[in-house]
């Protein structure tokens, strides 16, 4: 018992010698941590420091790899210090993603159009025929909702829980269909607006989507189970303003999320209200 106690005290000794929080954090990172989580951007920014520390890992798992640019995928792989040929190399790289969804965002049109920078390393591997494991069943939405996107995949079915779960057997209270597309006419004679370049807003849709949210709250839907998403930052800001005016100081409260499609990527919620904004041209 005494040997075990002194062994445990020995493990705490470095914290008596290390003075700053930064030094203690680096010690934990290099000596104690078994699993390390960071973004690809953070790995790129701290690559020099990680290499200097002698950072080494056996396995790397990247989530949403289909949204990462080539360099964002390669830098974390290269954030390892190898001083000799005999030193063990990276043993396993796991890329998780869906190349049918949003590609990497490239602001420079020339690089996007002529250099194909908007194709992720994950998508390149798939295109070049690198062996992949395809998940062929989904469990995130009703079967009727899955029919909206399963045509994009070779053979996408539904997990047994979709047919067995009581939540998916019952209709959504207050709604005739599991999904509905609503044509919102111009509000006070105005539809899509752009007060600033590429800052698209549609007040009629914002008012309508907030009214639907209030209707759902009156029926007893939890605010935490409802998210409002849209295609443009301008509309996101407008919907947030309408929510503050209509729901800020009363029973309704705010929904779980009011955000854009890009920001909502990889997340989910029970009920989604989507504002598409554009009425003049195809967005």
Protein backbone atom coordinates (compact mmCIF):
# COMPACT_ATOMS: atom_id res chain seq x y z
CA UNK A 1 0.00 0.00 0.00
CA UNK A 2 2.82 2.41 0.87
CA UNK A 3 4.64 1.61 -2.39
CA UNK A 4 1.51 2.41 -4.38
CA UNK A 5 1.03 5.67 -2.49
CA UNK A 6 4.62 6.82 -3.11
CA UNK A 7 4.34 5.79 -6.76
CA UNK A 8 1.27 7.99 -7.09
CA UNK A 9 3.04 10.89 -5.38
CA UNK A 10 5.93 10.48 -7.80
CA UNK A 11 3.57 11.09 -10.69
CA UNK A 12 2.65 14.48 -9.21
CA UNK A 13 6.27 15.58 -8.72
CA UNK A 14 6.61 17.30 -12.14
CA UNK A 15 3.85 19.72 -11.13
CA UNK A 16 6.10 20.99 -8.33
CA UNK A 17 8.85 21.78 -10.84
CA UNK A 18 6.75 23.16 -13.69
CA UNK A 19 5.79 26.76 -13.02
CA UNK A 20 3.34 27.91 -15.67
CA UNK A 21 -0.01 26.51 -16.74
CA UNK A 22 1.35 26.20 -20.28
CA UNK A 23 4.23 23.97 -19.15
CA UNK A 24 1.91 21.81 -17.06
CA UNK A 25 -0.51 21.47 -19.98
CA UNK A 26 2.30 20.40 -22.31
CA UNK A 27 3.46 17.83 -19.74
CA UNK A 28 -0.03 16.33 -19.52
CA UNK A 29 -0.28 16.35 -23.31
CA UNK A 30 3.01 14.52 -23.82
CA UNK A 31 3.12 12.19 -20.82
CA UNK A 32 -0.38 11.50 -19.53
CA UNK A 33 -2.99 11.99 -22.24
CA UNK A 34 -4.30 8.86 -23.94
CA UNK A 35 -6.85 10.60 -26.19
CA UNK A 36 -6.30 14.13 -27.54
CA UNK A 37 -9.07 16.12 -29.23
CA UNK A 38 -8.43 19.23 -31.32
CA UNK A 39 -9.63 20.88 -34.51
CA UNK A 40 -7.63 20.68 -37.72
CA UNK A 41 -7.19 24.47 -37.57
CA UNK A 42 -5.69 24.25 -34.07
CA UNK A 43 -3.36 21.45 -35.22
CA UNK A 44 -2.17 23.66 -38.09
CA UNK A 45 -1.61 26.72 -35.89
CA UNK A 46 0.35 24.75 -33.28
CA UNK A 47 2.18 22.37 -35.61
CA UNK A 48 5.61 23.91 -34.96
CA UNK A 49 5.14 23.71 -31.21
CA UNK A 50 3.86 20.12 -31.38
CA UNK A 51 6.85 19.00 -33.45
CA UNK A 52 9.24 20.78 -31.07
CA UNK A 53 7.66 18.96 -28.11
CA UNK A 54 8.18 15.61 -29.85
CA UNK A 55 4.46 15.01 -30.29
CA UNK A 56 3.66 11.48 -31.51
CA UNK A 57 0.43 9.57 -31.91
CA UNK A 58 -0.38 6.08 -33.14
CA UNK A 59 -3.87 6.73 -34.48
CA UNK A 60 -5.63 9.76 -35.96
CA UNK A 61 -9.42 9.96 -36.40
CA UNK A 62 -10.85 12.89 -38.39
CA UNK A 63 -14.56 13.63 -38.27
CA UNK A 64 -16.31 15.52 -41.10
CA UNK A 65 -13.26 14.82 -43.27
CA UNK A 66 -15.26 15.53 -46.43
CA UNK A 67 -15.44 19.21 -45.40
CA UNK A 68 -11.69 19.60 -44.87
CA UNK A 69 -9.36 20.96 -47.53
CA UNK A 70 -6.35 18.86 -48.52
CA UNK A 71 -3.95 20.92 -46.43
CA UNK A 72 -6.27 20.79 -43.39
CA UNK A 73 -6.13 17.00 -43.58
CA UNK A 74 -2.39 16.71 -44.21
CA UNK A 75 -1.09 19.09 -41.52
CA UNK A 76 -2.43 17.09 -38.53
CA UNK A 77 -0.86 13.97 -40.06
CA UNK A 78 2.48 15.79 -40.31
CA UNK A 79 2.32 17.18 -36.75
CA UNK A 80 4.51 14.33 -35.55
CA UNK A 81 8.22 14.37 -34.90
CA UNK A 82 10.18 11.48 -36.37
CA UNK A 83 13.88 11.56 -35.57
CA UNK A 84 14.94 8.19 -36.98
CA UNK A 85 13.87 5.56 -39.46
CA UNK A 86 13.47 3.05 -36.64
CA UNK A 87 10.97 5.23 -34.81
CA UNK A 88 7.43 3.96 -35.15
CA UNK A 89 5.27 5.63 -37.75
CA UNK A 90 1.60 6.53 -37.71
CA UNK A 91 -0.23 3.22 -37.51
CA UNK A 92 -3.76 4.17 -38.48
CA UNK A 93 -5.62 7.07 -40.11
CA UNK A 94 -9.42 7.01 -40.05
CA UNK A 95 -11.35 9.56 -42.13
CA UNK A 96 -15.07 9.87 -41.37
CA UNK A 97 -17.26 11.89 -43.70
CA UNK A 98 -19.85 12.06 -46.43
CA UNK A 99 -18.63 13.34 -49.80
CA UNK A 100 -22.25 13.74 -50.94
CA UNK A 101 -22.73 16.60 -48.49
CA UNK A 102 -21.13 20.06 -48.32
CA UNK A 103 -17.60 20.29 -49.80
CA UNK A 104 -14.80 22.47 -48.36
CA UNK A 105 -15.50 26.20 -48.59
CA UNK A 106 -13.06 27.99 -50.93
CA UNK A 107 -13.44 31.77 -51.11
CA UNK A 108 -10.99 32.28 -54.00
CA UNK A 109 -12.98 31.60 -57.18
CA UNK A 110 -9.89 30.87 -59.30
CA UNK A 111 -8.63 28.21 -56.91
CA UNK A 112 -12.13 26.79 -56.65
CA UNK A 113 -12.80 26.67 -60.40
CA UNK A 114 -9.43 25.80 -61.93
CA UNK A 115 -7.48 24.05 -59.17
CA UNK A 116 -10.42 22.07 -57.77
CA UNK A 117 -9.50 23.08 -54.22
CA UNK A 118 -13.12 22.56 -53.22
CA UNK A 119 -12.55 18.80 -53.34
CA UNK A 120 -11.48 17.28 -50.03
CA UNK A 121 -8.78 14.65 -49.68
CA UNK A 122 -11.56 12.33 -48.52
CA UNK A 123 -13.47 12.87 -51.78
CA UNK A 124 -10.27 12.39 -53.80
CA UNK A 125 -9.67 9.01 -52.15
CA UNK A 126 -13.25 7.93 -52.93
CA UNK A 127 -12.95 9.12 -56.54
CA UNK A 128 -9.63 7.28 -57.00
CA UNK A 129 -11.13 4.02 -55.79
CA UNK A 130 -9.46 3.74 -52.39
CA UNK A 131 -11.34 1.01 -50.44
CA UNK A 132 -13.99 2.56 -48.22
CA UNK A 133 -16.63 1.33 -45.80
CA UNK A 134 -20.08 2.62 -46.71
CA UNK A 135 -22.76 2.90 -44.05
CA UNK A 136 -25.94 1.79 -45.77
CA UNK A 137 -28.55 2.48 -43.07
CA UNK A 138 -29.68 5.68 -41.40
CA UNK A 139 -31.34 6.27 -38.04
CA UNK A 140 -31.62 10.06 -37.91
CA UNK A 141 -35.05 10.65 -39.46
CA UNK A 142 -38.38 9.10 -40.34
CA UNK A 143 -38.49 6.86 -43.40
CA UNK A 144 -40.62 9.44 -45.22
CA UNK A 145 -38.00 12.13 -44.56
CA UNK A 146 -35.18 9.81 -45.60
CA UNK A 147 -36.87 9.46 -49.00
CA UNK A 148 -35.95 13.09 -49.65
CA UNK A 149 -32.22 12.30 -49.73
CA UNK A 150 -31.70 8.54 -50.02
CA UNK A 151 -31.71 8.80 -53.83
CA UNK A 152 -28.26 10.38 -53.49
CA UNK A 153 -26.81 7.11 -52.21
CA UNK A 154 -26.52 3.71 -53.85
CA UNK A 155 -28.59 1.75 -51.34
CA UNK A 156 -29.51 3.65 -48.20
CA UNK A 157 -31.99 1.87 -45.96
CA UNK A 158 -33.33 2.49 -42.46
CA UNK A 159 -32.21 1.03 -39.15
CA UNK A 160 -34.75 -1.22 -37.39
CA UNK A 161 -35.31 1.50 -34.78
CA UNK A 162 -36.98 3.66 -37.43
CA UNK A 163 -39.88 1.20 -37.70
CA UNK A 164 -39.82 0.04 -34.06
CA UNK A 165 -39.50 3.34 -32.18
CA UNK A 166 -42.96 4.61 -31.07
CA UNK A 167 -41.89 8.20 -31.80
CA UNK A 168 -41.67 7.42 -35.50
CA UNK A 169 -45.01 5.58 -35.58
CA UNK A 170 -47.04 8.61 -34.47
CA UNK A 171 -47.70 11.75 -36.47
CA UNK A 172 -46.37 15.15 -35.42
CA UNK A 173 -49.15 16.83 -33.45
CA UNK A 174 -50.72 19.75 -35.31
CA UNK A 175 -49.21 18.88 -38.71
CA UNK A 176 -50.81 16.97 -41.55
CA UNK A 177 -47.53 15.73 -43.06
CA UNK A 178 -44.10 14.78 -41.74
CA UNK A 179 -42.62 17.45 -44.03
CA UNK A 180 -44.23 20.41 -45.75
CA UNK A 181 -43.01 22.93 -48.34
CA UNK A 182 -44.74 26.30 -48.01
CA UNK A 183 -44.70 29.06 -50.63
CA UNK A 184 -44.55 32.31 -48.65
CA UNK A 185 -45.80 35.24 -50.78
CA UNK A 186 -44.21 38.69 -50.70
CA UNK A 187 -44.69 40.41 -47.34
CA UNK A 188 -46.01 43.97 -47.69
CA UNK A 189 -45.11 43.78 -51.36
CA UNK A 190 -41.51 42.76 -50.73
CA UNK A 191 -39.87 39.34 -50.92
CA UNK A 192 -36.16 38.75 -51.10
CA UNK A 193 -34.00 41.76 -50.16
CA UNK A 194 -30.27 42.42 -50.11
CA UNK A 195 -29.38 45.53 -48.06
CA UNK A 196 -25.70 44.60 -48.48
CA UNK A 197 -23.97 42.55 -51.20
CA UNK A 198 -24.54 38.81 -50.61
CA UNK A 199 -26.49 39.63 -47.41
CA UNK A 200 -29.86 38.15 -48.35
CA UNK A 201 -32.98 38.55 -46.22
CA UNK A 202 -36.68 37.78 -46.54
CA UNK A 203 -38.85 39.36 -43.86
CA UNK A 204 -41.98 37.44 -44.89
CA UNK A 205 -40.23 34.09 -44.42
CA UNK A 206 -38.69 35.22 -41.14
CA UNK A 207 -42.10 36.20 -39.74
CA UNK A 208 -43.69 33.01 -41.06
CA UNK A 209 -41.06 30.64 -39.66
CA UNK A 210 -41.24 32.36 -36.25
CA UNK A 211 -45.06 32.09 -36.33
CA UNK A 212 -44.75 28.34 -36.98
CA UNK A 213 -42.31 28.10 -34.08
CA UNK A 214 -44.81 29.88 -31.80
CA UNK A 215 -47.58 27.55 -33.01
CA UNK A 216 -45.45 24.51 -32.12
CA UNK A 217 -44.66 25.91 -28.68
CA UNK A 218 -48.38 26.46 -28.00
CA UNK A 219 -48.97 22.80 -28.90
CA UNK A 220 -46.39 21.75 -26.33
CA UNK A 221 -43.29 21.11 -28.44
CA UNK A 222 -40.14 21.73 -26.32
CA UNK A 223 -38.07 24.71 -27.46
CA UNK A 224 -34.91 22.60 -27.12
CA UNK A 225 -36.26 20.17 -29.75
CA UNK A 226 -36.76 22.86 -32.43
CA UNK A 227 -34.02 24.41 -34.58
CA UNK A 228 -34.40 27.11 -37.22
CA UNK A 229 -31.85 27.04 -40.02
CA UNK A 230 -31.44 29.06 -43.18
CA UNK A 231 -29.15 29.40 -46.18
CA UNK A 232 -27.80 32.90 -45.53
CA UNK A 233 -26.24 34.84 -42.65
CA UNK A 234 -28.47 37.83 -43.37
CA UNK A 235 -31.60 35.75 -42.86
CA UNK A 236 -30.12 34.20 -39.72
CA UNK A 237 -29.66 37.66 -38.20
CA UNK A 238 -33.17 38.70 -39.26
CA UNK A 239 -34.79 35.60 -37.73
CA UNK A 240 -32.90 36.21 -34.49
CA UNK A 241 -34.22 39.78 -34.43
CA UNK A 242 -37.80 38.57 -34.98
CA UNK A 243 -37.41 35.92 -32.26
CA UNK A 244 -36.21 38.59 -29.82
CA UNK A 245 -39.21 40.78 -30.65
CA UNK A 246 -41.87 38.03 -30.66
CA UNK A 247 -40.56 35.50 -28.14
CA UNK A 248 -37.96 37.23 -25.99
CA UNK A 249 -40.00 38.01 -22.88
CA UNK A 250 -42.80 35.48 -22.84
CA UNK A 251 -43.70 31.80 -22.71
CA UNK A 252 -42.25 30.90 -26.11
CA UNK A 253 -38.54 31.33 -25.38
CA UNK A 254 -35.82 30.79 -28.00
CA UNK A 255 -35.38 27.66 -30.12
CA UNK A 256 -32.40 25.38 -29.66
CA UNK A 257 -30.49 26.86 -32.60
CA UNK A 258 -30.92 29.67 -35.12
CA UNK A 259 -28.09 29.19 -37.57
CA UNK A 260 -27.06 28.53 -41.17
CA UNK A 261 -26.83 25.24 -43.04
CA UNK A 262 -23.02 25.38 -42.96
CA UNK A 263 -22.93 25.87 -39.19
CA UNK A 264 -25.52 23.17 -38.57
CA UNK A 265 -23.58 20.58 -40.58
CA UNK A 266 -23.12 17.39 -38.55
CA UNK A 267 -25.77 18.33 -35.98
CA UNK A 268 -29.39 17.25 -35.65
CA UNK A 269 -32.61 17.98 -33.82
CA UNK A 270 -36.12 16.55 -33.63
CA UNK A 271 -37.82 19.36 -35.58
CA UNK A 272 -36.29 21.62 -38.22
CA UNK A 273 -37.78 24.83 -39.62
CA UNK A 274 -35.91 25.87 -42.77
CA UNK A 275 -36.03 29.29 -44.44
CA UNK A 276 -34.76 29.20 -48.05
CA UNK A 277 -34.87 33.04 -48.49
CA UNK A 278 -34.39 33.47 -52.26
CA UNK A 279 -37.44 34.35 -54.39
CA UNK A 280 -36.01 36.34 -57.31
CA UNK A 281 -33.32 33.97 -58.55
CA UNK A 282 -32.06 30.48 -57.81
CA UNK A 283 -29.76 30.74 -54.76
